Protein backbone atom coordinates (compact mmCIF):
# COMPACT_ATOMS: atom_id res chain seq x y z
CA UNK A 1 67.97 23.02 -22.61
CA UNK A 2 64.78 24.54 -24.43
CA UNK A 3 63.97 28.25 -23.19
CA UNK A 4 61.01 26.66 -20.94
CA UNK A 5 63.56 24.21 -19.26
CA UNK A 6 66.06 27.26 -18.65
CA UNK A 7 62.89 29.23 -17.09
CA UNK A 8 61.88 26.27 -14.98
CA UNK A 9 65.60 25.98 -13.96
CA UNK A 10 66.26 29.45 -12.62
CA UNK A 11 66.48 30.35 -9.01
CA UNK A 12 62.65 31.23 -7.96
CA UNK A 13 60.82 31.48 -4.71
CA UNK A 14 57.19 30.82 -4.78
CA UNK A 15 55.54 33.85 -3.29
CA UNK A 16 52.45 34.69 -4.86
CA UNK A 17 49.33 32.85 -5.25
CA UNK A 18 49.32 31.80 -8.99
CA UNK A 19 47.37 31.13 -10.95
CA UNK A 20 45.34 34.65 -10.83
CA UNK A 21 42.10 34.39 -12.33
CA UNK A 22 41.03 35.48 -15.73
CA UNK A 23 37.21 37.33 -15.52
CA UNK A 24 34.93 38.68 -18.17
CA UNK A 25 33.98 42.25 -17.48
CA UNK A 26 30.60 41.78 -18.98
CA UNK A 27 28.80 44.89 -17.27
CA UNK A 28 31.87 47.19 -18.73
CA UNK A 29 31.06 45.94 -21.99
CA UNK A 30 27.26 46.70 -21.53
CA UNK A 31 28.05 50.13 -20.45
CA UNK A 32 30.08 50.95 -23.70
CA UNK A 33 27.40 49.35 -25.73
CA UNK A 34 29.80 46.21 -27.03
CA UNK A 35 26.76 44.05 -27.78
CA UNK A 36 28.40 41.22 -30.15
CA UNK A 37 31.93 42.14 -29.22
CA UNK A 38 34.55 43.22 -28.39
CA UNK A 39 34.99 41.19 -25.34
CA UNK A 40 37.01 42.44 -22.63
CA UNK A 41 38.42 40.14 -20.27
CA UNK A 42 40.85 41.31 -17.28
CA UNK A 43 43.73 39.04 -15.39
CA UNK A 44 43.97 39.83 -11.82
CA UNK A 45 47.18 40.06 -10.72
CA UNK A 46 46.17 42.38 -8.15
CA UNK A 47 45.65 39.15 -6.29
CA UNK A 48 48.59 37.77 -6.24
CA UNK A 49 48.40 37.92 -2.52
CA UNK A 50 51.95 39.05 -1.25
CA UNK A 51 52.34 42.01 0.69
CA UNK A 52 48.45 43.15 -0.33
CA UNK A 53 49.01 41.95 -4.30
CA UNK A 54 50.36 43.29 -7.41
CA UNK A 55 52.41 42.43 -10.47
CA UNK A 56 55.73 43.08 -8.43
CA UNK A 57 55.32 40.05 -6.41
CA UNK A 58 55.99 38.09 -9.73
CA UNK A 59 59.32 39.48 -10.32
CA UNK A 60 60.08 39.42 -6.69
CA UNK A 61 60.18 35.63 -6.52
CA UNK A 62 63.02 35.56 -9.27
CA UNK A 63 64.71 38.65 -7.86
CA UNK A 64 64.87 37.35 -4.30
CA UNK A 65 66.00 34.16 -4.94
CA UNK A 66 69.03 35.77 -6.59
CA UNK A 67 69.49 37.59 -3.66
CA UNK A 68 69.57 34.41 -1.39
CA UNK A 69 71.68 32.51 -3.86
CA UNK A 70 74.27 35.66 -3.73
CA UNK A 71 73.78 35.30 0.22
CA UNK A 72 73.01 38.78 0.56
CA UNK A 73 71.74 40.08 3.71
CA UNK A 74 70.03 43.63 3.05
CA UNK A 75 68.06 44.54 0.04
CA UNK A 76 67.90 47.88 -1.54
CA UNK A 77 65.74 49.46 -3.97
CA UNK A 78 63.89 52.00 -5.22
CA UNK A 79 60.89 54.08 -6.53
CA UNK A 80 58.15 56.66 -6.16
CA UNK A 81 56.71 58.02 -2.71
CA UNK A 82 53.75 55.36 -3.02
CA UNK A 83 55.88 52.50 -4.91
CA UNK A 84 54.20 49.54 -5.04
CA UNK A 85 57.26 47.70 -5.82
CA UNK A 86 58.92 49.30 -2.97
CA UNK A 87 55.86 48.20 -0.58
CA UNK A 88 55.95 44.52 -1.92
CA UNK A 89 59.84 44.39 -2.23
CA UNK A 90 59.61 45.69 1.85
CA UNK A 91 57.19 42.82 2.74
CA UNK A 92 58.25 40.10 1.03
CA UNK A 93 62.20 40.91 2.13
CA UNK A 94 61.47 41.30 5.40
CA UNK A 95 59.80 38.38 5.83
CA UNK A 96 62.65 36.34 4.43
CA UNK A 97 65.58 37.90 6.89
CA UNK A 98 67.14 40.47 4.89
CA UNK A 99 67.05 44.36 6.25
CA UNK A 100 65.12 46.51 3.42
CA UNK A 101 65.83 50.19 2.46
CA UNK A 102 63.44 51.95 0.22
CA UNK A 103 64.61 55.02 -1.45
CA UNK A 104 61.68 56.95 -2.24
CA UNK A 105 61.56 59.98 -4.46
CA UNK A 106 59.63 62.74 -2.78
CA UNK A 107 59.84 64.50 0.48
CA UNK A 108 59.12 63.12 3.73
CA UNK A 109 55.26 63.23 4.54
CA UNK A 110 53.94 64.85 8.04
CA UNK A 111 52.42 61.38 8.11
CA UNK A 112 52.32 57.63 6.37
CA UNK A 113 49.88 56.84 3.90
CA UNK A 114 49.10 54.14 1.48
CA UNK A 115 52.12 52.07 0.49
CA UNK A 116 54.31 53.56 3.33
CA UNK A 117 51.96 51.98 6.30
CA UNK A 118 52.63 48.06 5.49
CA UNK A 119 56.50 48.99 4.43
CA UNK A 120 56.37 50.86 7.72
CA UNK A 121 54.71 48.25 9.78
CA UNK A 122 57.21 45.24 8.33
CA UNK A 123 60.52 47.50 9.63
CA UNK A 124 61.98 48.69 6.30
CA UNK A 125 64.12 51.78 6.19
CA UNK A 126 62.54 54.84 4.32
CA UNK A 127 65.25 56.90 2.69
CA UNK A 128 63.02 60.19 1.34
CA UNK A 129 65.47 61.64 -1.62
CA UNK A 130 63.35 64.72 -2.31
CA UNK A 131 61.29 65.62 -5.49
CA UNK A 132 64.48 65.43 -7.50
CA UNK A 133 65.68 61.92 -6.60
CA UNK A 134 66.28 59.53 -9.43
CA UNK A 135 64.09 56.57 -10.53
CA UNK A 136 66.59 54.71 -11.52
CA UNK A 137 70.04 54.22 -10.46
CA UNK A 138 69.43 56.59 -7.10
CA UNK A 139 72.55 57.85 -6.27
CA UNK A 140 72.47 57.36 -2.49
CA UNK A 141 70.95 53.94 -2.79
CA UNK A 142 74.59 53.09 -4.76
CA UNK A 143 76.19 54.68 -2.05
CA UNK A 144 74.60 53.13 0.53
CA UNK A 145 75.06 49.69 -1.16
CA UNK A 146 79.02 50.49 -1.15
CA UNK A 147 79.31 51.73 2.29
CA UNK A 148 77.52 48.35 3.15
CA UNK A 149 79.74 46.25 1.16
CA UNK A 150 82.91 48.21 2.93
CA UNK A 151 81.31 47.00 6.20
CA UNK A 152 81.19 43.24 5.48
CA UNK A 153 77.16 43.40 4.73
CA UNK A 154 76.43 41.87 1.29
CA UNK A 155 73.99 43.94 -0.28
CA UNK A 156 71.58 43.32 -2.99
CA UNK A 157 70.49 46.20 -5.31
CA UNK A 158 67.03 45.72 -7.02
CA UNK A 159 66.33 48.35 -9.94
CA UNK A 160 63.11 50.82 -10.20
CA UNK A 161 60.24 48.28 -10.67
CA UNK A 162 62.79 45.27 -10.66
CA UNK A 163 62.87 45.88 -14.13
CA UNK A 164 66.00 43.99 -15.12
CA UNK A 165 66.23 40.75 -17.02
CA UNK A 166 66.00 38.86 -13.89
CA UNK A 167 62.40 40.55 -12.73
CA UNK A 168 61.05 40.25 -15.92
CA UNK A 169 60.97 36.52 -16.19
CA UNK A 170 58.24 36.51 -13.93
CA UNK A 171 55.99 38.14 -16.52
CA UNK A 172 57.40 35.45 -19.21
CA UNK A 173 56.24 32.98 -16.88
CA UNK A 174 52.98 34.91 -16.53
CA UNK A 175 52.67 34.62 -20.36
CA UNK A 176 52.68 31.09 -20.06
CA UNK A 177 50.41 31.02 -17.56
CA UNK A 178 47.99 32.99 -19.39
CA UNK A 179 48.43 30.24 -22.58
CA UNK A 180 47.37 27.98 -20.04
CA UNK A 181 43.92 29.59 -19.34
CA UNK A 182 43.04 30.28 -22.51
CA UNK A 183 43.23 26.30 -23.14
CA UNK A 184 41.28 26.19 -19.73
CA UNK A 185 38.92 28.98 -20.99
CA UNK A 186 38.44 27.72 -24.45
CA UNK A 187 38.93 31.21 -25.70
CA UNK A 188 41.68 32.69 -27.67
CA UNK A 189 43.06 36.11 -26.76
CA UNK A 190 43.62 38.84 -29.49
CA UNK A 191 44.97 41.98 -27.55
CA UNK A 192 46.59 41.97 -24.16
CA UNK A 193 46.75 45.78 -22.21
CA UNK A 194 49.26 46.65 -19.98
CA UNK A 195 50.39 49.78 -17.94
CA UNK A 196 53.88 50.77 -18.76
CA UNK A 197 56.33 52.07 -16.65
CA UNK A 198 59.85 50.84 -15.96
CA UNK A 199 58.84 48.26 -19.00
CA UNK A 200 59.92 44.62 -17.50
CA UNK A 201 55.99 43.39 -17.47
CA UNK A 202 55.46 44.49 -21.17
CA UNK A 203 58.75 43.57 -22.24
CA UNK A 204 58.34 39.83 -20.12
CA UNK A 205 55.00 39.55 -21.83
CA UNK A 206 56.57 39.98 -25.46
CA UNK A 207 59.21 37.75 -24.70
CA UNK A 208 56.62 35.19 -23.02
CA UNK A 209 54.21 35.22 -26.07
CA UNK A 210 56.80 34.51 -28.56
CA UNK A 211 58.23 31.98 -26.28
CA UNK A 212 55.04 30.09 -25.39
CA UNK A 213 52.79 30.50 -28.53
CA UNK A 214 50.11 33.18 -27.22
CA UNK A 215 48.74 34.96 -30.39
CA UNK A 216 47.66 38.36 -28.46
CA UNK A 217 49.92 41.03 -29.25
CA UNK A 218 50.89 43.05 -26.28
CA UNK A 219 49.73 46.62 -26.25
CA UNK A 220 51.74 49.06 -23.48
CA UNK A 221 50.05 52.25 -22.17
CA UNK A 222 52.77 54.74 -20.98
CA UNK A 223 51.89 56.32 -17.34
CA UNK A 224 54.65 58.78 -17.67
CA UNK A 225 55.09 61.31 -20.51
CA UNK A 226 57.59 59.90 -23.40
CA UNK A 227 59.97 62.28 -24.98
CA UNK A 228 61.25 59.85 -27.76
CA UNK A 229 58.27 57.15 -28.50
CA UNK A 230 60.53 55.41 -31.12
CA UNK A 231 63.59 55.25 -29.28
CA UNK A 232 61.24 54.26 -26.34
CA UNK A 233 59.89 51.37 -28.87
CA UNK A 234 63.61 50.19 -29.18
CA UNK A 235 64.47 50.04 -25.58
CA UNK A 236 61.89 47.63 -25.02
CA UNK A 237 62.38 45.58 -27.65
CA UNK A 238 66.10 45.35 -26.55
CA UNK A 239 64.86 44.61 -23.38
CA UNK A 240 62.62 41.64 -24.56
CA UNK A 241 65.91 40.48 -26.67
CA UNK A 242 67.71 40.36 -23.46
CA UNK A 243 65.23 38.63 -22.05
CA UNK A 244 64.93 35.79 -24.60
CA UNK A 245 69.18 35.73 -24.99
CA UNK A 246 69.00 34.46 -21.02
CA UNK A 247 66.59 32.18 -21.68
CA UNK A 248 68.51 30.64 -24.42
CA UNK A 249 66.15 31.37 -26.89
CA UNK A 250 66.85 32.20 -30.78
CA UNK A 251 63.64 34.24 -31.03
CA UNK A 252 63.90 38.22 -31.77
CA UNK A 253 61.99 40.93 -30.96
CA UNK A 254 62.20 44.46 -32.97
CA UNK A 255 60.68 47.62 -32.37
CA UNK A 256 57.94 47.11 -34.67
CA UNK A 257 56.77 44.40 -32.09
CA UNK A 258 56.50 46.94 -29.73
CA UNK A 259 52.91 48.63 -29.31
CA UNK A 260 53.37 51.54 -27.03
CA UNK A 261 50.70 53.98 -26.63
CA UNK A 262 51.68 57.46 -25.42
CA UNK A 263 48.94 59.69 -25.45
CA UNK A 264 47.11 58.60 -22.43
CA UNK A 265 50.16 59.75 -20.06
CA UNK A 266 48.96 63.08 -18.82
CA UNK A 267 50.67 65.83 -17.47
CA UNK A 268 53.40 63.30 -15.39
CA UNK A 269 54.06 60.24 -13.90
CA UNK A 270 51.38 59.93 -10.65
CA UNK A 271 49.25 63.04 -11.98
CA UNK A 272 45.83 61.33 -12.82
CA UNK A 273 44.00 62.33 -15.66
CA UNK A 274 40.40 63.08 -15.74
CA UNK A 275 40.04 60.24 -17.95
CA UNK A 276 41.89 58.12 -15.56
CA UNK A 277 39.47 59.04 -12.68
CA UNK A 278 36.89 58.20 -14.76
CA UNK A 279 37.94 54.50 -15.88
CA UNK A 280 38.63 53.96 -12.26
CA UNK A 281 35.33 54.98 -10.81
CA UNK A 282 33.55 52.81 -13.70
CA UNK A 283 35.49 49.38 -12.75
CA UNK A 284 34.20 50.40 -9.26
CA UNK A 285 31.12 50.96 -9.93
CA UNK A 286 30.58 48.05 -12.59
CA UNK A 287 32.91 45.23 -11.83
CA UNK A 288 33.79 45.74 -8.15
CA UNK A 289 37.38 45.81 -9.55
CA UNK A 290 39.70 48.96 -7.72
CA UNK A 291 42.33 50.28 -9.52
CA UNK A 292 45.01 53.16 -9.31
CA UNK A 293 45.29 56.68 -10.30
CA UNK A 294 49.18 56.03 -11.65
CA UNK A 295 49.42 52.78 -13.51
CA UNK A 296 45.98 51.01 -14.23
CA UNK A 297 43.85 53.75 -14.07
CA UNK A 298 45.71 55.20 -17.06
CA UNK A 299 45.79 52.12 -18.69
CA UNK A 300 42.21 51.23 -18.53
CA UNK A 301 41.34 54.65 -19.85
CA UNK A 302 43.59 53.90 -22.68
CA UNK A 303 42.04 50.91 -23.48
CA UNK A 304 38.33 52.14 -23.02
CA UNK A 305 39.68 55.06 -25.30
CA UNK A 306 40.29 52.61 -27.72
CA UNK A 307 37.05 50.94 -27.48
CA UNK A 308 35.21 53.72 -28.30
CA UNK A 309 37.04 54.40 -31.23
CA UNK A 310 36.23 51.26 -32.71
CA UNK A 311 40.11 50.33 -33.13
CA UNK A 312 39.28 46.80 -32.64
CA UNK A 313 37.32 44.18 -34.53
CA UNK A 314 34.06 43.04 -33.25
CA UNK A 315 35.42 39.42 -32.37
CA UNK A 316 38.58 40.37 -30.52
CA UNK A 317 38.76 39.48 -27.01
CA UNK A 318 41.12 41.60 -25.10
CA UNK A 319 42.73 41.04 -21.83
CA UNK A 320 43.59 43.79 -19.48
CA UNK A 321 46.43 43.00 -16.92
CA UNK A 322 45.50 44.53 -13.54
CA UNK A 323 49.17 44.69 -12.22
CA UNK A 324 47.87 45.89 -9.07
CA UNK A 325 48.43 49.31 -6.94
CA UNK A 326 45.01 50.10 -5.29
CA UNK A 327 46.62 50.31 -1.95
CA UNK A 328 47.93 54.12 -3.46
CA UNK A 329 44.34 55.11 -3.61
CA UNK A 330 44.60 55.46 0.38
CA UNK A 331 47.19 58.16 -0.08
């Protein structure tokens, strides 16, 4: 089978409202003085629909289908205290009949806010693992999975951000979707900007652009400090290679294929910079689009800075992937 046929043959649930629209941000262009280019476009993956929207829905279409295929009856995952991924996993998982356990980095708050509210409403079980809890391979999550197995349950563990090969297939498919939308709109994109945390979105887009002939390069904006950028680029390239290998593709991904901007992360994950706050306000005022202070605000701040520095050609068309997360504004 071709890589596309292999992708289409993978187990998948239809949880999202797709395709999500691509829109021109004309008033933002005007505010930046970009008359004559470059053009700024946005893909509204905040409108995927599942559990109040966001990019994790695309990943969960594949991850939860795999869970069903393994006859799982309980799903476990982990993330930050205001994790968008945990919120969408809770809502989708419970709607599909799974018990859902969320391992959240941080202390239990005095009251529920933001993403915690819909997660609690649908019946997810919270485990607050303290500020030193791990974002990846949370030990207490592994321990509970082992305990549940010993009790005759069938747990399915989803890594942080659903950022494994299975979950990243959601953004391989998104690259195919973007290519089709290019044809429909009669435009050719030159850059795709996305927030990069656990890297499943960026790695999936890198693999997908190679598989589906999408010409735009993929630029990730790191949302937390990166100790070794070269090593991180290598890890993302390896991730993309694993995705393509799963699809029986002979495509390659090298560290030089990975563009990762690390200078906009600020002091830490979930800690907004002044530029991030300004970007959130600008998109709200000029486009009626709500970003968040953890992911999309930092990514947009990076894109706006690159635009003002003249990093692009006047003829360039730049697509910003709005990965969602605005529910955290209410935290």
